[in-house]
Amino acid sequence: MSENGDTGERLTIDQIMEPLLTNMPKVAEYSPEGIAALGNPISMLVHNTGKTLLELFLEPSGQDYWLQPGETFTVTSYGHWTRQPFEVAHEPDCITVWATSWYATVSFRDGSEVPGGHQRPAGKYT
């Protein structure tokens, strides 16, 4: 999150903290419903077009979710941000999504919440 993908300039700590300080006082409870109450939802689909299990790692919460081949999750950022709602990085077998508002949810296509650690392989993060 320290690099601005558009210009390559480094962000200051104030720029990184601004969305947190803006959104934090508005969060009544740290649940998907409380986060959704921040409003201003922007969603992004994450679809596993590969042939193996794919990790979706959500920052800044540090939560992992796992997609089977052909599976799709929706990541939704809530609140306010200064540049863009997401930053995305792809590595082999992992997509990291950083919600720049600091608050996001992950849901199935039907809108229900994906539980953290969903489909996590045995032995991962233990």
C-alpha atoms as a PDB file:
ATOM      1  CA  MET A   1       0.000   0.000   0.000  1.00  0.00           C
ATOM      2  CA  SER A   2       3.001   2.304   0.245  1.00  0.00           C
ATOM      3  CA  GLU A   3       3.339   2.786  -3.493  1.00  0.00           C
ATOM      4  CA  ASN A   4       0.944   4.791  -5.641  1.00  0.00           C
ATOM      5  CA  GLY A   5       0.387   2.555  -8.665  1.00  0.00           C
ATOM      6  CA  ASP A   6      -0.361   5.528 -10.915  1.00  0.00           C
ATOM      7  CA  THR A   7       2.805   7.563 -10.366  1.00  0.00           C
ATOM      8  CA  GLY A   8       5.135   5.359  -8.352  1.00  0.00           C
ATOM      9  CA  GLU A   9       5.427   8.029  -5.635  1.00  0.00           C
ATOM     10  CA  ARG A  10       5.579   6.816  -2.057  1.00  0.00           C
ATOM     11  CA  LEU A  11       2.594   7.544   0.131  1.00  0.00           C
ATOM     12  CA  THR A  12       3.059   9.255   3.451  1.00  0.00           C
ATOM     13  CA  ILE A  13       1.754   7.764   6.681  1.00  0.00           C
ATOM     14  CA  ASP A  14      -0.848  10.558   6.756  1.00  0.00           C
ATOM     15  CA  GLN A  15      -2.140   9.496   3.328  1.00  0.00           C
ATOM     16  CA  ILE A  16      -2.320   5.878   4.455  1.00  0.00           C
ATOM     17  CA  MET A  17      -4.068   6.738   7.734  1.00  0.00           C
ATOM     18  CA  GLU A  18      -6.564   9.244   6.290  1.00  0.00           C
ATOM     19  CA  PRO A  19      -9.231   6.656   5.290  1.00  0.00           C
ATOM     20  CA  LEU A  20      -8.937   4.886   8.641  1.00  0.00           C
ATOM     21  CA  LEU A  21      -9.322   8.106  10.595  1.00  0.00           C
ATOM     22  CA  THR A  22     -12.213   9.206   8.354  1.00  0.00           C
ATOM     23  CA  ASN A  23     -14.100   5.910   8.543  1.00  0.00           C
ATOM     24  CA  MET A  24     -13.297   4.615  12.032  1.00  0.00           C
ATOM     25  CA  PRO A  25     -15.553   6.995  14.014  1.00  0.00           C
ATOM     26  CA  LYS A  26     -18.499   5.921  11.837  1.00  0.00           C
ATOM     27  CA  VAL A  27     -18.181   2.166  12.499  1.00  0.00           C
ATOM     28  CA  ALA A  28     -20.656   1.269  15.249  1.00  0.00           C
ATOM     29  CA  GLU A  29     -19.773  -2.425  15.274  1.00  0.00           C
ATOM     30  CA  TYR A  30     -17.069  -4.384  13.486  1.00  0.00           C
ATOM     31  CA  SER A  31     -19.329  -6.884  11.751  1.00  0.00           C
ATOM     32  CA  PRO A  32     -20.235  -7.098   8.064  1.00  0.00           C
ATOM     33  CA  GLU A  33     -23.466  -5.233   8.877  1.00  0.00           C
ATOM     34  CA  GLY A  34     -21.638  -2.524  10.839  1.00  0.00           C
ATOM     35  CA  ILE A  35     -19.099  -2.080   8.069  1.00  0.00           C
ATOM     36  CA  ALA A  36     -21.824  -1.973   5.403  1.00  0.00           C
ATOM     37  CA  ALA A  37     -23.449   0.872   7.358  1.00  0.00           C
ATOM     38  CA  LEU A  38     -20.491   3.064   6.319  1.00  0.00           C
ATOM     39  CA  GLY A  39     -22.138   3.250   2.901  1.00  0.00           C
ATOM     40  CA  ASN A  40     -20.489   4.154  -0.405  1.00  0.00           C
ATOM     41  CA  PRO A  41     -20.094   0.472  -1.430  1.00  0.00           C
ATOM     42  CA  ILE A  42     -17.836  -0.314  -4.363  1.00  0.00           C
ATOM     43  CA  SER A  43     -17.666  -3.973  -5.355  1.00  0.00           C
ATOM     44  CA  MET A  44     -15.196  -6.044  -7.315  1.00  0.00           C
ATOM     45  CA  LEU A  45     -15.623  -9.630  -8.488  1.00  0.00           C
ATOM     46  CA  VAL A  46     -12.768 -12.059  -7.924  1.00  0.00           C
ATOM     47  CA  HIS A  47     -13.109 -15.144 -10.124  1.00  0.00           C
ATOM     48  CA  ASN A  48     -10.847 -18.169 -10.102  1.00  0.00           C
ATOM     49  CA  THR A  49     -10.363 -19.055 -13.766  1.00  0.00           C
ATOM     50  CA  GLY A  50      -7.511 -21.424 -12.924  1.00  0.00           C
ATOM     51  CA  LYS A  51      -7.492 -25.143 -12.342  1.00  0.00           C
ATOM     52  CA  THR A  52      -6.365 -25.131  -8.706  1.00  0.00           C
ATOM     53  CA  LEU A  53      -7.439 -23.587  -5.405  1.00  0.00           C
ATOM     54  CA  LEU A  54      -6.784 -19.818  -5.291  1.00  0.00           C
ATOM     55  CA  GLU A  55      -6.216 -17.804  -2.109  1.00  0.00           C
ATOM     56  CA  LEU A  56      -7.888 -14.413  -1.760  1.00  0.00           C
ATOM     57  CA  PHE A  57      -6.110 -12.482   0.987  1.00  0.00           C
ATOM     58  CA  LEU A  58      -7.944  -9.382   2.226  1.00  0.00           C
ATOM     59  CA  GLU A  59      -5.982  -6.520   3.753  1.00  0.00           C
ATOM     60  CA  PRO A  60      -5.822  -4.717   6.091  1.00  0.00           C
ATOM     61  CA  SER A  61      -7.852  -7.320   8.004  1.00  0.00           C
ATOM     62  CA  GLY A  62      -5.371 -10.078   7.145  1.00  0.00           C
ATOM     63  CA  GLN A  63      -8.152 -12.580   6.422  1.00  0.00           C
ATOM     64  CA  ASP A  64      -7.853 -15.426   3.950  1.00  0.00           C
ATOM     65  CA  TYR A  65     -10.550 -16.938   1.725  1.00  0.00           C
ATOM     66  CA  TRP A  66     -10.084 -19.763  -0.785  1.00  0.00           C
ATOM     67  CA  LEU A  67     -11.782 -20.093  -4.178  1.00  0.00           C
ATOM     68  CA  GLN A  68     -12.275 -23.378  -5.992  1.00  0.00           C
ATOM     69  CA  PRO A  69     -11.784 -23.355  -9.793  1.00  0.00           C
ATOM     70  CA  GLY A  70     -14.739 -21.559 -11.373  1.00  0.00           C
ATOM     71  CA  GLU A  71     -15.820 -19.950  -8.073  1.00  0.00           C
ATOM     72  CA  THR A  72     -16.462 -16.201  -7.721  1.00  0.00           C
ATOM     73  CA  PHE A  73     -16.476 -13.971  -4.630  1.00  0.00           C
ATOM     74  CA  THR A  74     -17.426 -10.308  -4.371  1.00  0.00           C
ATOM     75  CA  VAL A  75     -15.154  -7.986  -2.396  1.00  0.00           C
ATOM     76  CA  THR A  76     -16.908  -4.775  -1.368  1.00  0.00           C
ATOM     77  CA  SER A  77     -15.175  -1.732   0.080  1.00  0.00           C
ATOM     78  CA  TYR A  78     -17.198   0.625   2.289  1.00  0.00           C
ATOM     79  CA  GLY A  79     -16.565   4.135   3.527  1.00  0.00           C
ATOM     80  CA  HIS A  80     -14.365   6.762   1.940  1.00  0.00           C
ATOM     81  CA  TRP A  81     -10.932   6.721   0.330  1.00  0.00           C
ATOM     82  CA  THR A  82      -8.777   9.330  -1.362  1.00  0.00           C
ATOM     83  CA  ARG A  83      -7.632   7.525  -4.507  1.00  0.00           C
ATOM     84  CA  GLN A  84      -9.224   4.201  -5.444  1.00  0.00           C
ATOM     85  CA  PRO A  85     -11.246   1.708  -3.358  1.00  0.00           C
ATOM     86  CA  PHE A  86      -8.862  -1.234  -3.936  1.00  0.00           C
ATOM     87  CA  GLU A  87      -5.279  -2.122  -4.623  1.00  0.00           C
ATOM     88  CA  VAL A  88      -4.722  -5.611  -6.016  1.00  0.00           C
ATOM     89  CA  ALA A  89      -1.593  -7.733  -6.208  1.00  0.00           C
ATOM     90  CA  HIS A  90      -1.348 -11.118  -7.893  1.00  0.00           C
ATOM     91  CA  GLU A  91       1.145 -13.802  -6.986  1.00  0.00           C
ATOM     92  CA  PRO A  92       1.118 -17.455  -8.005  1.00  0.00           C
ATOM     93  CA  ASP A  93      -1.938 -19.041  -6.332  1.00  0.00           C
ATOM     94  CA  CYS A  94      -2.841 -15.837  -4.395  1.00  0.00           C
ATOM     95  CA  ILE A  95      -4.608 -12.542  -5.009  1.00  0.00           C
ATOM     96  CA  THR A  96      -4.205  -9.890  -2.333  1.00  0.00           C
ATOM     97  CA  VAL A  97      -6.874  -7.186  -2.211  1.00  0.00           C
ATOM     98  CA  TRP A  98      -6.216  -4.130  -0.052  1.00  0.00           C
ATOM     99  CA  ALA A  99      -9.365  -2.152   0.799  1.00  0.00           C
ATOM    100  CA  THR A 100      -8.038   1.393   0.919  1.00  0.00           C
ATOM    101  CA  SER A 101     -11.009   2.491   3.034  1.00  0.00           C
ATOM    102  CA  TRP A 102      -9.785  -0.102   5.591  1.00  0.00           C
ATOM    103  CA  TYR A 103     -13.214  -1.734   5.662  1.00  0.00           C
ATOM    104  CA  ALA A 104     -14.414  -4.463   3.300  1.00  0.00           C
ATOM    105  CA  THR A 105     -16.512  -7.594   3.157  1.00  0.00           C
ATOM    106  CA  VAL A 106     -16.288 -10.756   1.063  1.00  0.00           C
ATOM    107  CA  SER A 107     -19.486 -12.383  -0.113  1.00  0.00           C
ATOM    108  CA  PHE A 108     -20.782 -15.204  -2.267  1.00  0.00           C
ATOM    109  CA  ARG A 109     -22.721 -14.377  -5.437  1.00  0.00           C
ATOM    110  CA  ASP A 110     -25.989 -14.662  -3.472  1.00  0.00           C
ATOM    111  CA  GLY A 111     -24.806 -11.839  -1.160  1.00  0.00           C
ATOM    112  CA  SER A 112     -24.201 -13.953   1.934  1.00  0.00           C
ATOM    113  CA  GLU A 113     -20.937 -13.494   3.825  1.00  0.00           C
ATOM    114  CA  VAL A 114     -17.987 -15.750   3.071  1.00  0.00           C
ATOM    115  CA  PRO A 115     -16.570 -16.864   6.422  1.00  0.00           C
ATOM    116  CA  GLY A 116     -12.897 -16.161   7.038  1.00  0.00           C
ATOM    117  CA  GLY A 117     -10.707 -19.154   6.280  1.00  0.00           C
ATOM    118  CA  HIS A 118     -13.358 -20.524   3.892  1.00  0.00           C
ATOM    119  CA  GLN A 119     -11.988 -23.691   2.223  1.00  0.00           C
ATOM    120  CA  ARG A 120      -8.528 -23.128   3.746  1.00  0.00           C
ATOM    121  CA  PRO A 121      -6.294 -26.134   3.041  1.00  0.00           C
ATOM    122  CA  ALA A 122      -5.252 -28.197   6.047  1.00  0.00           C
ATOM    123  CA  GLY A 123      -1.981 -26.958   7.535  1.00  0.00           C
ATOM    124  CA  LYS A 124      -2.192 -23.432   6.101  1.00  0.00           C
ATOM    125  CA  TYR A 125      -1.687 -20.628   8.665  1.00  0.00           C
ATOM    126  CA  THR A 126      -1.556 -22.986  11.658  1.00  0.00           C
END
